[in-house]
Amino acid sequence: MLAEGVNPALIDNAAAFNGSPMGPLETLDSISIETAYHAMNQRRADVEAAGDDFEMAAEPEVIRVMIEEYRRKGQQDGGVYQCVNAYGLQTFAGRSVELAQLYGEAFEPPKLLLDMAECGETFA
């Protein structure tokens, strides 16, 4: 959608209206666009090593332009911990407990997370 000219705010707001805690662009920015860029380059190398042609789709092209042309790598202090902070540690811990009740222990939050949420702490 971004490659087609849709306003980035509309993309992320649509996700919010759909119930997501953050939109896909904000998420990508938080985890680091550079991570996606490296994954894309590895995928290209793997495809070409197999003797196939790598076809650049719209999504990887947007990532390539952001990194190579605009030097935009995402939040330098981003990552999953900052994503949890942005969502709200207490909210995240609570939602994890709900999901664990519905879907099992894979969603159980660790004790450290629960303790931090109880004390009102965030990840540094």
PDB file of N, CA and C in Angstrom:
ATOM      1  N   MET A   1       0.817  -1.182   0.000  1.00  0.00           N
ATOM      2  CA  MET A   1       0.000   0.000   0.000  1.00  0.00           C
ATOM      3  C   MET A   1       0.868   1.256   0.000  1.00  0.00           C
ATOM      4  N   LEU A   2       1.930   1.211   0.787  1.00  0.00           N
ATOM      5  CA  LEU A   2       2.837   2.354   0.840  1.00  0.00           C
ATOM      6  C   LEU A   2       3.466   2.597  -0.524  1.00  0.00           C
ATOM      7  N   ALA A   3       3.878   1.519  -1.187  1.00  0.00           N
ATOM      8  CA  ALA A   3       4.496   1.641  -2.509  1.00  0.00           C
ATOM      9  C   ALA A   3       3.508   2.176  -3.540  1.00  0.00           C
ATOM     10  N   GLU A   4       2.220   1.995  -3.270  1.00  0.00           N
ATOM     11  CA  GLU A   4       1.189   2.485  -4.182  1.00  0.00           C
ATOM     12  C   GLU A   4       0.791   3.923  -3.885  1.00  0.00           C
ATOM     13  N   GLY A   5       1.423   4.520  -2.870  1.00  0.00           N
ATOM     14  CA  GLY A   5       1.172   5.923  -2.570  1.00  0.00           C
ATOM     15  C   GLY A   5       0.187   6.197  -1.455  1.00  0.00           C
ATOM     16  N   VAL A   6      -0.234   5.150  -0.743  1.00  0.00           N
ATOM     17  CA  VAL A   6      -1.160   5.364   0.370  1.00  0.00           C
ATOM     18  C   VAL A   6      -0.396   6.046   1.509  1.00  0.00           C
ATOM     19  N   ASN A   7      -1.014   7.045   2.094  1.00  0.00           N
ATOM     20  CA  ASN A   7      -0.416   7.791   3.189  1.00  0.00           C
ATOM     21  C   ASN A   7      -0.075   6.836   4.335  1.00  0.00           C
ATOM     22  N   PRO A   8       1.175   6.881   4.853  1.00  0.00           N
ATOM     23  CA  PRO A   8       1.564   5.969   5.933  1.00  0.00           C
ATOM     24  C   PRO A   8       0.657   6.064   7.162  1.00  0.00           C
ATOM     25  N   ALA A   9       0.197   7.273   7.482  1.00  0.00           N
ATOM     26  CA  ALA A   9      -0.685   7.422   8.638  1.00  0.00           C
ATOM     27  C   ALA A   9      -1.989   6.667   8.433  1.00  0.00           C
ATOM     28  N   LEU A  10      -2.495   6.649   7.207  1.00  0.00           N
ATOM     29  CA  LEU A  10      -3.729   5.910   6.933  1.00  0.00           C
ATOM     30  C   LEU A  10      -3.528   4.413   7.115  1.00  0.00           C
ATOM     31  N   ILE A  11      -2.361   3.921   6.726  1.00  0.00           N
ATOM     32  CA  ILE A  11      -2.064   2.495   6.865  1.00  0.00           C
ATOM     33  C   ILE A  11      -2.046   2.110   8.344  1.00  0.00           C
ATOM     34  N   ASP A  12      -1.297   2.859   9.145  1.00  0.00           N
ATOM     35  CA  ASP A  12      -1.203   2.531  10.563  1.00  0.00           C
ATOM     36  C   ASP A  12      -2.521   2.793  11.291  1.00  0.00           C
ATOM     37  N   ASN A  13      -3.251   3.845  10.910  1.00  0.00           N
ATOM     38  CA  ASN A  13      -4.543   4.110  11.544  1.00  0.00           C
ATOM     39  C   ASN A  13      -5.556   3.021  11.218  1.00  0.00           C
ATOM     40  N   ALA A  14      -5.503   2.482  10.008  1.00  0.00           N
ATOM     41  CA  ALA A  14      -6.406   1.387   9.642  1.00  0.00           C
ATOM     42  C   ALA A  14      -6.152   0.178  10.538  1.00  0.00           C
ATOM     43  N   ALA A  15      -4.898  -0.082  10.837  1.00  0.00           N
ATOM     44  CA  ALA A  15      -4.566  -1.190  11.732  1.00  0.00           C
ATOM     45  C   ALA A  15      -5.112  -0.922  13.131  1.00  0.00           C
ATOM     46  N   ALA A  16      -4.992   0.324  13.589  1.00  0.00           N
ATOM     47  CA  ALA A  16      -5.506   0.681  14.914  1.00  0.00           C
ATOM     48  C   ALA A  16      -7.023   0.500  14.966  1.00  0.00           C
ATOM     49  N   PHE A  17      -7.718   0.922  13.916  1.00  0.00           N
ATOM     50  CA  PHE A  17      -9.171   0.748  13.861  1.00  0.00           C
ATOM     51  C   PHE A  17      -9.559  -0.725  13.840  1.00  0.00           C
ATOM     52  N   ASN A  18      -8.621  -1.570  13.410  1.00  0.00           N
ATOM     53  CA  ASN A  18      -8.858  -3.005  13.337  1.00  0.00           C
ATOM     54  C   ASN A  18      -8.490  -3.702  14.650  1.00  0.00           C
ATOM     55  N   GLY A  19      -8.038  -2.925  15.632  1.00  0.00           N
ATOM     56  CA  GLY A  19      -7.732  -3.489  16.944  1.00  0.00           C
ATOM     57  C   GLY A  19      -6.270  -3.756  17.220  1.00  0.00           C
ATOM     58  N   SER A  20      -5.377  -3.464  16.290  1.00  0.00           N
ATOM     59  CA  SER A  20      -3.950  -3.682  16.518  1.00  0.00           C
ATOM     60  C   SER A  20      -3.397  -2.616  17.455  1.00  0.00           C
ATOM     61  N   PRO A  21      -2.493  -2.998  18.360  1.00  0.00           N
ATOM     62  CA  PRO A  21      -1.910  -2.004  19.261  1.00  0.00           C
ATOM     63  C   PRO A  21      -1.015  -1.008  18.535  1.00  0.00           C
ATOM     64  N   MET A  22      -0.454  -1.419  17.404  1.00  0.00           N
ATOM     65  CA  MET A  22       0.327  -0.510  16.567  1.00  0.00           C
ATOM     66  C   MET A  22       0.264  -1.011  15.138  1.00  0.00           C
ATOM     67  N   GLY A  23       0.418  -0.083  14.219  1.00  0.00           N
ATOM     68  CA  GLY A  23       0.313  -0.432  12.813  1.00  0.00           C
ATOM     69  C   GLY A  23       1.547  -1.142  12.289  1.00  0.00           C
ATOM     70  N   PRO A  24       1.469  -1.677  11.075  1.00  0.00           N
ATOM     71  CA  PRO A  24       2.591  -2.422  10.519  1.00  0.00           C
ATOM     72  C   PRO A  24       3.830  -1.566  10.287  1.00  0.00           C
ATOM     73  N   LEU A  25       3.652  -0.314   9.917  1.00  0.00           N
ATOM     74  CA  LEU A  25       4.809   0.543   9.679  1.00  0.00           C
ATOM     75  C   LEU A  25       5.479   0.933  10.988  1.00  0.00           C
ATOM     76  N   GLU A  26       4.669   1.237  12.001  1.00  0.00           N
ATOM     77  CA  GLU A  26       5.227   1.554  13.311  1.00  0.00           C
ATOM     78  C   GLU A  26       5.946   0.338  13.885  1.00  0.00           C
ATOM     79  N   THR A  27       5.359  -0.846  13.694  1.00  0.00           N
ATOM     80  CA  THR A  27       5.988  -2.070  14.174  1.00  0.00           C
ATOM     81  C   THR A  27       7.330  -2.292  13.492  1.00  0.00           C
ATOM     82  N   LEU A  28       7.349  -2.145  12.177  1.00  0.00           N
ATOM     83  CA  LEU A  28       8.592  -2.324  11.430  1.00  0.00           C
ATOM     84  C   LEU A  28       9.637  -1.316  11.880  1.00  0.00           C
ATOM     85  N   ASP A  29       9.215  -0.083  12.107  1.00  0.00           N
ATOM     86  CA  ASP A  29      10.132   0.948  12.570  1.00  0.00           C
ATOM     87  C   ASP A  29      10.669   0.607  13.955  1.00  0.00           C
ATOM     88  N   SER A  30       9.809   0.053  14.801  1.00  0.00           N
ATOM     89  CA  SER A  30      10.214  -0.279  16.164  1.00  0.00           C
ATOM     90  C   SER A  30      11.209  -1.425  16.215  1.00  0.00           C
ATOM     91  N   ILE A  31      10.997  -2.443  15.387  1.00  0.00           N
ATOM     92  CA  ILE A  31      11.914  -3.585  15.425  1.00  0.00           C
ATOM     93  C   ILE A  31      13.170  -3.332  14.611  1.00  0.00           C
ATOM     94  N   SER A  32      13.154  -2.284  13.794  1.00  0.00           N
ATOM     95  CA  SER A  32      14.286  -1.868  12.981  1.00  0.00           C
ATOM     96  C   SER A  32      14.084  -2.285  11.529  1.00  0.00           C
ATOM     97  N   ILE A  33      13.949  -1.301  10.708  1.00  0.00           N
ATOM     98  CA  ILE A  33      13.821  -1.546   9.275  1.00  0.00           C
ATOM     99  C   ILE A  33      15.072  -2.260   8.779  1.00  0.00           C
ATOM    100  N   GLU A  34      16.190  -1.973   9.420  1.00  0.00           N
ATOM    101  CA  GLU A  34      17.454  -2.595   9.016  1.00  0.00           C
ATOM    102  C   GLU A  34      17.398  -4.117   9.159  1.00  0.00           C
ATOM    103  N   THR A  35      16.707  -4.616  10.165  1.00  0.00           N
ATOM    104  CA  THR A  35      16.557  -6.060  10.342  1.00  0.00           C
ATOM    105  C   THR A  35      15.822  -6.661   9.150  1.00  0.00           C
ATOM    106  N   ALA A  36      14.734  -6.010   8.738  1.00  0.00           N
ATOM    107  CA  ALA A  36      13.983  -6.476   7.573  1.00  0.00           C
ATOM    108  C   ALA A  36      14.829  -6.398   6.310  1.00  0.00           C
ATOM    109  N   TYR A  37      15.652  -5.375   6.210  1.00  0.00           N
ATOM    110  CA  TYR A  37      16.535  -5.188   5.056  1.00  0.00           C
ATOM    111  C   TYR A  37      17.543  -6.338   4.967  1.00  0.00           C
ATOM    112  N   HIS A  38      18.141  -6.689   6.087  1.00  0.00           N
ATOM    113  CA  HIS A  38      19.107  -7.799   6.091  1.00  0.00           C
ATOM    114  C   HIS A  38      18.417  -9.121   5.747  1.00  0.00           C
ATOM    115  N   ALA A  39      17.211  -9.328   6.273  1.00  0.00           N
ATOM    116  CA  ALA A  39      16.460 -10.552   5.956  1.00  0.00           C
ATOM    117  C   ALA A  39      16.136 -10.607   4.466  1.00  0.00           C
ATOM    118  N   MET A  40      15.758  -9.458   3.896  1.00  0.00           N
ATOM    119  CA  MET A  40      15.440  -9.396   2.470  1.00  0.00           C
ATOM    120  C   MET A  40      16.682  -9.732   1.633  1.00  0.00           C
ATOM    121  N   ASN A  41      17.823  -9.176   2.007  1.00  0.00           N
ATOM    122  CA  ASN A  41      19.055  -9.449   1.260  1.00  0.00           C
ATOM    123  C   ASN A  41      19.468 -10.911   1.374  1.00  0.00           C
ATOM    124  N   GLN A  42      19.245 -11.511   2.541  1.00  0.00           N
ATOM    125  CA  GLN A  42      19.570 -12.927   2.705  1.00  0.00           C
ATOM    126  C   GLN A  42      18.647 -13.778   1.844  1.00  0.00           C
ATOM    127  N   ARG A  43      17.377 -13.405   1.804  1.00  0.00           N
ATOM    128  CA  ARG A  43      16.421 -14.137   0.957  1.00  0.00           C
ATOM    129  C   ARG A  43      16.840 -14.042  -0.505  1.00  0.00           C
ATOM    130  N   ARG A  44      17.251 -12.854  -0.938  1.00  0.00           N
ATOM    131  CA  ARG A  44      17.704 -12.680  -2.320  1.00  0.00           C
ATOM    132  C   ARG A  44      18.909 -13.581  -2.590  1.00  0.00           C
ATOM    133  N   ALA A  45      19.869 -13.590  -1.663  1.00  0.00           N
ATOM    134  CA  ALA A  45      21.062 -14.415  -1.832  1.00  0.00           C
ATOM    135  C   ALA A  45      20.700 -15.903  -1.901  1.00  0.00           C
ATOM    136  N   ASP A  46      19.775 -16.333  -1.067  1.00  0.00           N
ATOM    137  CA  ASP A  46      19.347 -17.734  -1.062  1.00  0.00           C
ATOM    138  C   ASP A  46      18.668 -18.117  -2.377  1.00  0.00           C
ATOM    139  N   VAL A  47      17.785 -17.234  -2.866  1.00  0.00           N
ATOM    140  CA  VAL A  47      17.072 -17.493  -4.122  1.00  0.00           C
ATOM    141  C   VAL A  47      18.061 -17.568  -5.281  1.00  0.00           C
ATOM    142  N   GLU A  48      18.988 -16.610  -5.321  1.00  0.00           N
ATOM    143  CA  GLU A  48      19.967 -16.589  -6.413  1.00  0.00           C
ATOM    144  C   GLU A  48      20.939 -17.753  -6.322  1.00  0.00           C
ATOM    145  N   ALA A  49      21.293 -18.177  -5.085  1.00  0.00           N
ATOM    146  CA  ALA A  49      22.182 -19.334  -4.909  1.00  0.00           C
ATOM    147  C   ALA A  49      21.516 -20.613  -5.402  1.00  0.00           C
ATOM    148  N   ALA A  50      20.200 -20.645  -5.338  1.00  0.00           N
ATOM    149  CA  ALA A  50      19.454 -21.804  -5.830  1.00  0.00           C
ATOM    150  C   ALA A  50      19.282 -21.760  -7.352  1.00  0.00           C
ATOM    151  N   GLY A  51      19.804 -20.694  -7.972  1.00  0.00           N
ATOM    152  CA  GLY A  51      19.724 -20.568  -9.421  1.00  0.00           C
ATOM    153  C   GLY A  51      18.448 -19.933  -9.930  1.00  0.00           C
ATOM    154  N   ASP A  52      17.668 -19.361  -9.034  1.00  0.00           N
ATOM    155  CA  ASP A  52      16.416 -18.719  -9.432  1.00  0.00           C
ATOM    156  C   ASP A  52      16.597 -17.201  -9.482  1.00  0.00           C
ATOM    157  N   ASP A  53      15.655 -16.540 -10.124  1.00  0.00           N
ATOM    158  CA  ASP A  53      15.671 -15.079 -10.197  1.00  0.00           C
ATOM    159  C   ASP A  53      14.880 -14.512  -9.030  1.00  0.00           C
ATOM    160  N   PHE A  54      15.462 -13.534  -8.359  1.00  0.00           N
ATOM    161  CA  PHE A  54      14.774 -12.862  -7.264  1.00  0.00           C
ATOM    162  C   PHE A  54      13.932 -11.742  -7.837  1.00  0.00           C
ATOM    163  N   GLU A  55      12.641 -11.796  -7.589  1.00  0.00           N
ATOM    164  CA  GLU A  55      11.746 -10.754  -8.073  1.00  0.00           C
ATOM    165  C   GLU A  55      11.431  -9.802  -6.930  1.00  0.00           C
ATOM    166  N   MET A  56      11.784  -8.538  -7.113  1.00  0.00           N
ATOM    167  CA  MET A  56      11.570  -7.536  -6.075  1.00  0.00           C
ATOM    168  C   MET A  56      10.098  -7.140  -6.057  1.00  0.00           C
ATOM    169  N   ALA A  57       9.422  -7.477  -4.975  1.00  0.00           N
ATOM    170  CA  ALA A  57       8.023  -7.088  -4.795  1.00  0.00           C
ATOM    171  C   ALA A  57       7.981  -5.685  -4.209  1.00  0.00           C
ATOM    172  N   ALA A  58       6.794  -5.146  -4.038  1.00  0.00           N
ATOM    173  CA  ALA A  58       6.649  -3.779  -3.543  1.00  0.00           C
ATOM    174  C   ALA A  58       7.200  -3.615  -2.130  1.00  0.00           C
ATOM    175  N   GLU A  59       6.937  -4.570  -1.239  1.00  0.00           N
ATOM    176  CA  GLU A  59       7.355  -4.428   0.155  1.00  0.00           C
ATOM    177  C   GLU A  59       8.872  -4.368   0.297  1.00  0.00           C
ATOM    178  N   PRO A  60       9.621  -5.316  -0.278  1.00  0.00           N
ATOM    179  CA  PRO A  60      11.074  -5.216  -0.160  1.00  0.00           C
ATOM    180  C   PRO A  60      11.635  -3.957  -0.827  1.00  0.00           C
ATOM    181  N   GLU A  61      10.992  -3.498  -1.884  1.00  0.00           N
ATOM    182  CA  GLU A  61      11.475  -2.291  -2.560  1.00  0.00           C
ATOM    183  C   GLU A  61      11.327  -1.073  -1.656  1.00  0.00           C
ATOM    184  N   VAL A  62      10.237  -0.987  -0.915  1.00  0.00           N
ATOM    185  CA  VAL A  62      10.061   0.119   0.029  1.00  0.00           C
ATOM    186  C   VAL A  62      11.150   0.061   1.098  1.00  0.00           C
ATOM    187  N   ILE A  63      11.417  -1.122   1.605  1.00  0.00           N
ATOM    188  CA  ILE A  63      12.466  -1.286   2.619  1.00  0.00           C
ATOM    189  C   ILE A  63      13.821  -0.904   2.039  1.00  0.00           C
ATOM    190  N   ARG A  64      14.105  -1.342   0.821  1.00  0.00           N
ATOM    191  CA  ARG A  64      15.379  -1.005   0.181  1.00  0.00           C
ATOM    192  C   ARG A  64      15.535   0.511   0.037  1.00  0.00           C
ATOM    193  N   VAL A  65      14.497   1.179  -0.417  1.00  0.00           N
ATOM    194  CA  VAL A  65      14.550   2.632  -0.604  1.00  0.00           C
ATOM    195  C   VAL A  65      14.774   3.331   0.741  1.00  0.00           C
ATOM    196  N   MET A  66      14.068   2.883   1.774  1.00  0.00           N
ATOM    197  CA  MET A  66      14.224   3.508   3.093  1.00  0.00           C
ATOM    198  C   MET A  66      15.654   3.398   3.605  1.00  0.00           C
ATOM    199  N   ILE A  67      16.276   2.247   3.396  1.00  0.00           N
ATOM    200  CA  ILE A  67      17.642   2.038   3.886  1.00  0.00           C
ATOM    201  C   ILE A  67      18.678   2.670   2.965  1.00  0.00           C
ATOM    202  N   GLU A  68      18.621   2.341   1.683  1.00  0.00           N
ATOM    203  CA  GLU A  68      19.676   2.747   0.762  1.00  0.00           C
ATOM    204  C   GLU A  68      19.583   4.208   0.334  1.00  0.00           C
ATOM    205  N   GLU A  69      18.386   4.713   0.130  1.00  0.00           N
ATOM    206  CA  GLU A  69      18.256   6.071  -0.382  1.00  0.00           C
ATOM    207  C   GLU A  69      18.020   7.108   0.709  1.00  0.00           C
ATOM    208  N   TYR A  70      17.227   6.741   1.731  1.00  0.00           N
ATOM    209  CA  TYR A  70      16.910   7.709   2.781  1.00  0.00           C
ATOM    210  C   TYR A  70      17.702   7.483   4.067  1.00  0.00           C
ATOM    211  N   ARG A  71      18.469   6.394   4.112  1.00  0.00           N
ATOM    212  CA  ARG A  71      19.286   6.067   5.288  1.00  0.00           C
ATOM    213  C   ARG A  71      18.447   5.988   6.565  1.00  0.00           C
ATOM    214  N   ARG A  72      17.211   5.525   6.424  1.00  0.00           N
ATOM    215  CA  ARG A  72      16.288   5.407   7.557  1.00  0.00           C
ATOM    216  C   ARG A  72      16.330   3.972   8.036  1.00  0.00           C
ATOM    217  N   LYS A  73      16.905   3.737   9.202  1.00  0.00           N
ATOM    218  CA  LYS A  73      17.079   2.374   9.700  1.00  0.00           C
ATOM    219  C   LYS A  73      16.061   1.992  10.760  1.00  0.00           C
ATOM    220  N   GLY A  74      15.210   2.892  11.136  1.00  0.00           N
ATOM    221  CA  GLY A  74      14.252   2.607  12.200  1.00  0.00           C
ATOM    222  C   GLY A  74      14.742   3.202  13.493  1.00  0.00           C
ATOM    223  N   GLN A  75      13.987   2.999  14.531  1.00  0.00           N
ATOM    224  CA  GLN A  75      14.372   3.538  15.830  1.00  0.00           C
ATOM    225  C   GLN A  75      15.655   2.865  16.281  1.00  0.00           C
ATOM    226  N   GLN A  76      16.659   3.654  16.547  1.00  0.00           N
ATOM    227  CA  GLN A  76      17.953   3.092  16.927  1.00  0.00           C
ATOM    228  C   GLN A  76      17.887   2.327  18.242  1.00  0.00           C
ATOM    229  N   ASP A  77      16.985   2.727  19.106  1.00  0.00           N
ATOM    230  CA  ASP A  77      16.843   1.998  20.369  1.00  0.00           C
ATOM    231  C   ASP A  77      15.598   1.111  20.333  1.00  0.00           C
ATOM    232  N   GLY A  78      15.144   0.802  19.134  1.00  0.00           N
ATOM    233  CA  GLY A  78      13.920   0.024  18.971  1.00  0.00           C
ATOM    234  C   GLY A  78      14.120  -1.433  19.296  1.00  0.00           C
ATOM    235  N   GLY A  79      13.171  -2.206  19.016  1.00  0.00           N
ATOM    236  CA  GLY A  79      13.225  -3.632  19.284  1.00  0.00           C
ATOM    237  C   GLY A  79      11.983  -4.053  20.039  1.00  0.00           C
ATOM    238  N   VAL A  80      11.932  -5.312  20.332  1.00  0.00           N
ATOM    239  CA  VAL A  80      10.733  -5.863  20.951  1.00  0.00           C
ATOM    240  C   VAL A  80      10.470  -5.244  22.319  1.00  0.00           C
ATOM    241  N   TYR A  81      11.514  -4.920  23.082  1.00  0.00           N
ATOM    242  CA  TYR A  81      11.299  -4.344  24.405  1.00  0.00           C
ATOM    243  C   TYR A  81      10.667  -2.964  24.316  1.00  0.00           C
ATOM    244  N   GLN A  82      11.120  -2.158  23.364  1.00  0.00           N
ATOM    245  CA  GLN A  82      10.520  -0.841  23.192  1.00  0.00           C
ATOM    246  C   GLN A  82       9.095  -0.955  22.651  1.00  0.00           C
ATOM    247  N   CYS A  83       8.858  -1.984  21.871  1.00  0.00           N
ATOM    248  CA  CYS A  83       7.494  -2.249  21.377  1.00  0.00           C
ATOM    249  C   CYS A  83       6.571  -2.562  22.556  1.00  0.00           C
ATOM    250  N   VAL A  84       7.050  -3.376  23.489  1.00  0.00           N
ATOM    251  CA  VAL A  84       6.269  -3.695  24.687  1.00  0.00           C
ATOM    252  C   VAL A  84       6.056  -2.430  25.516  1.00  0.00           C
ATOM    253  N   ASN A  85       7.095  -1.610  25.660  1.00  0.00           N
ATOM    254  CA  ASN A  85       6.947  -0.350  26.395  1.00  0.00           C
ATOM    255  C   ASN A  85       5.884   0.534  25.748  1.00  0.00           C
ATOM    256  N   ALA A  86       5.906   0.614  24.421  1.00  0.00           N
ATOM    257  CA  ALA A  86       4.945   1.454  23.700  1.00  0.00           C
ATOM    258  C   ALA A  86       3.517   0.933  23.887  1.00  0.00           C
ATOM    259  N   TYR A  87       3.367  -0.366  23.922  1.00  0.00           N
ATOM    260  CA  TYR A  87       2.048  -0.988  24.119  1.00  0.00           C
ATOM    261  C   TYR A  87       1.574  -0.770  25.545  1.00  0.00           C
ATOM    262  N   GLY A  88       2.548  -0.721  26.457  1.00  0.00           N
ATOM    263  CA  GLY A  88       2.261  -0.605  27.887  1.00  0.00           C
ATOM    264  C   GLY A  88       2.562  -1.929  28.559  1.00  0.00           C
ATOM    265  N   LEU A  89       3.544  -1.936  29.429  1.00  0.00           N
ATOM    266  CA  LEU A  89       3.989  -3.183  30.049  1.00  0.00           C
ATOM    267  C   LEU A  89       2.858  -3.859  30.823  1.00  0.00           C
ATOM    268  N   GLN A  90       2.081  -3.082  31.584  1.00  0.00           N
ATOM    269  CA  GLN A  90       0.975  -3.672  32.339  1.00  0.00           C
ATOM    270  C   GLN A  90      -0.088  -4.234  31.396  1.00  0.00           C
ATOM    271  N   THR A  91      -0.385  -3.495  30.331  1.00  0.00           N
ATOM    272  CA  THR A  91      -1.368  -3.962  29.353  1.00  0.00           C
ATOM    273  C   THR A  91      -0.877  -5.222  28.659  1.00  0.00           C
ATOM    274  N   PHE A  92       0.409  -5.223  28.294  1.00  0.00           N
ATOM    275  CA  PHE A  92       1.003  -6.387  27.626  1.00  0.00           C
ATOM    276  C   PHE A  92       0.957  -7.609  28.538  1.00  0.00           C
ATOM    277  N   ALA A  93       1.336  -7.418  29.812  1.00  0.00           N
ATOM    278  CA  ALA A  93       1.327  -8.535  30.762  1.00  0.00           C
ATOM    279  C   ALA A  93      -0.094  -9.070  30.945  1.00  0.00           C
ATOM    280  N   GLY A  94      -1.053  -8.158  31.080  1.00  0.00           N
ATOM    281  CA  GLY A  94      -2.441  -8.570  31.234  1.00  0.00           C
ATOM    282  C   GLY A  94      -2.959  -9.337  30.030  1.00  0.00           C
ATOM    283  N   ARG A  95      -2.626  -8.827  28.857  1.00  0.00           N
ATOM    284  CA  ARG A  95      -3.066  -9.500  27.625  1.00  0.00           C
ATOM    285  C   ARG A  95      -2.405 -10.870  27.506  1.00  0.00           C
ATOM    286  N   SER A  96      -1.148 -10.978  27.904  1.00  0.00           N
ATOM    287  CA  SER A  96      -0.451 -12.269  27.861  1.00  0.00           C
ATOM    288  C   SER A  96      -1.140 -13.291  28.751  1.00  0.00           C
ATOM    289  N   VAL A  97      -1.577 -12.860  29.927  1.00  0.00           N
ATOM    290  CA  VAL A  97      -2.288 -13.758  30.840  1.00  0.00           C
ATOM    291  C   VAL A  97      -3.599 -14.215  30.195  1.00  0.00           C
ATOM    292  N   GLU A  98      -4.336 -13.270  29.588  1.00  0.00           N
ATOM    293  CA  GLU A  98      -5.580 -13.627  28.905  1.00  0.00           C
ATOM    294  C   GLU A  98      -5.330 -14.648  27.796  1.00  0.00           C
ATOM    295  N   LEU A  99      -4.297 -14.402  26.994  1.00  0.00           N
ATOM    296  CA  LEU A  99      -3.991 -15.315  25.892  1.00  0.00           C
ATOM    297  C   LEU A  99      -3.556 -16.684  26.400  1.00  0.00           C
ATOM    298  N   ALA A 100      -2.829 -16.704  27.518  1.00  0.00           N
ATOM    299  CA  ALA A 100      -2.413 -17.979  28.100  1.00  0.00           C
ATOM    300  C   ALA A 100      -3.625 -18.785  28.558  1.00  0.00           C
ATOM    301  N   GLN A 101      -4.616 -18.107  29.109  1.00  0.00           N
ATOM    302  CA  GLN A 101      -5.834 -18.790  29.531  1.00  0.00           C
ATOM    303  C   GLN A 101      -6.587 -19.372  28.337  1.00  0.00           C
ATOM    304  N   LEU A 102      -6.545 -18.658  27.228  1.00  0.00           N
ATOM    305  CA  LEU A 102      -7.257 -19.114  26.026  1.00  0.00           C
ATOM    306  C   LEU A 102      -6.474 -20.150  25.217  1.00  0.00           C
ATOM    307  N   TYR A 103      -5.140 -19.942  25.108  1.00  0.00           N
ATOM    308  CA  TYR A 103      -4.360 -20.732  24.149  1.00  0.00           C
ATOM    309  C   TYR A 103      -3.212 -21.539  24.747  1.00  0.00           C
ATOM    310  N   GLY A 104      -3.020 -21.464  26.042  1.00  0.00           N
ATOM    311  CA  GLY A 104      -2.019 -22.317  26.659  1.00  0.00           C
ATOM    312  C   GLY A 104      -0.747 -21.617  27.082  1.00  0.00           C
ATOM    313  N   GLU A 105       0.142 -22.436  27.607  1.00  0.00           N
ATOM    314  CA  GLU A 105       1.347 -21.929  28.267  1.00  0.00           C
ATOM    315  C   GLU A 105       2.328 -21.207  27.351  1.00  0.00           C
ATOM    316  N   ALA A 106       2.224 -21.365  26.062  1.00  0.00           N
ATOM    317  CA  ALA A 106       3.119 -20.646  25.152  1.00  0.00           C
ATOM    318  C   ALA A 106       2.980 -19.134  25.317  1.00  0.00           C
ATOM    319  N   PHE A 107       1.828 -18.693  25.839  1.00  0.00           N
ATOM    320  CA  PHE A 107       1.577 -17.269  26.020  1.00  0.00           C
ATOM    321  C   PHE A 107       1.788 -16.804  27.458  1.00  0.00           C
ATOM    322  N   GLU A 108       2.192 -17.713  28.333  1.00  0.00           N
ATOM    323  CA  GLU A 108       2.423 -17.342  29.727  1.00  0.00           C
ATOM    324  C   GLU A 108       3.524 -16.285  29.803  1.00  0.00           C
ATOM    325  N   PRO A 109       3.246 -15.147  30.448  1.00  0.00           N
ATOM    326  CA  PRO A 109       4.303 -14.143  30.597  1.00  0.00           C
ATOM    327  C   PRO A 109       5.304 -14.596  31.660  1.00  0.00           C
ATOM    328  N   PRO A 110       6.580 -14.291  31.473  1.00  0.00           N
ATOM    329  CA  PRO A 110       7.567 -14.668  32.482  1.00  0.00           C
ATOM    330  C   PRO A 110       7.371 -13.866  33.771  1.00  0.00           C
ATOM    331  N   LYS A 111       7.846 -14.426  34.867  1.00  0.00           N
ATOM    332  CA  LYS A 111       7.714 -13.778  36.176  1.00  0.00           C
ATOM    333  C   LYS A 111       8.323 -12.380  36.162  1.00  0.00           C
ATOM    334  N   LEU A 112       9.462 -12.219  35.501  1.00  0.00           N
ATOM    335  CA  LEU A 112      10.108 -10.900  35.431  1.00  0.00           C
ATOM    336  C   LEU A 112       9.146  -9.863  34.849  1.00  0.00           C
ATOM    337  N   LEU A 113       8.457 -10.212  33.784  1.00  0.00           N
ATOM    338  CA  LEU A 113       7.517  -9.296  33.149  1.00  0.00           C
ATOM    339  C   LEU A 113       6.374  -8.946  34.104  1.00  0.00           C
ATOM    340  N   LEU A 114       5.838  -9.948  34.781  1.00  0.00           N
ATOM    341  CA  LEU A 114       4.751  -9.703  35.722  1.00  0.00           C
ATOM    342  C   LEU A 114       5.214  -8.825  36.879  1.00  0.00           C
ATOM    343  N   ASP A 115       6.418  -9.089  37.388  1.00  0.00           N
ATOM    344  CA  ASP A 115       6.965  -8.275  38.470  1.00  0.00           C
ATOM    345  C   ASP A 115       7.172  -6.827  38.027  1.00  0.00           C
ATOM    346  N   MET A 116       7.716  -6.650  36.836  1.00  0.00           N
ATOM    347  CA  MET A 116       7.934  -5.293  36.318  1.00  0.00           C
ATOM    348  C   MET A 116       6.612  -4.561  36.139  1.00  0.00           C
ATOM    349  N   ALA A 117       5.607  -5.249  35.626  1.00  0.00           N
ATOM    350  CA  ALA A 117       4.288  -4.642  35.416  1.00  0.00           C
ATOM    351  C   ALA A 117       3.683  -4.235  36.754  1.00  0.00           C
ATOM    352  N   GLU A 118       3.834  -5.085  37.755  1.00  0.00           N
ATOM    353  CA  GLU A 118       3.280  -4.798  39.074  1.00  0.00           C
ATOM    354  C   GLU A 118       3.946  -3.572  39.714  1.00  0.00           C
ATOM    355  N   CYS A 119       5.235  -3.397  39.430  1.00  0.00           N
ATOM    356  CA  CYS A 119       5.975  -2.255  39.991  1.00  0.00           C
ATOM    357  C   CYS A 119       5.881  -1.007  39.095  1.00  0.00           C
ATOM    358  N   GLY A 120       5.213  -1.117  37.962  1.00  0.00           N
ATOM    359  CA  GLY A 120       5.099   0.029  37.067  1.00  0.00           C
ATOM    360  C   GLY A 120       6.390   0.341  36.321  1.00  0.00           C
ATOM    361  N   GLU A 121       7.261  -0.633  36.175  1.00  0.00           N
ATOM    362  CA  GLU A 121       8.535  -0.430  35.489  1.00  0.00           C
ATOM    363  C   GLU A 121       8.369  -0.604  33.992  1.00  0.00           C
ATOM    364  N   THR A 122       9.390  -0.203  33.244  1.00  0.00           N
ATOM    365  CA  THR A 122       9.469  -0.437  31.796  1.00  0.00           C
ATOM    366  C   THR A 122      10.849  -0.962  31.473  1.00  0.00           C
ATOM    367  N   PHE A 123      11.016  -1.457  30.261  1.00  0.00           N
ATOM    368  CA  PHE A 123      12.336  -1.894  29.816  1.00  0.00           C
ATOM    369  C   PHE A 123      13.175  -0.662  29.503  1.00  0.00           C
ATOM    370  N   ALA A 124      14.426  -0.691  29.893  1.00  0.00           N
ATOM    371  CA  ALA A 124      15.324   0.434  29.648  1.00  0.00           C
ATOM    372  C   ALA A 124      15.825   0.430  28.224  1.00  0.00           C
TER     373      ALA A 124
END
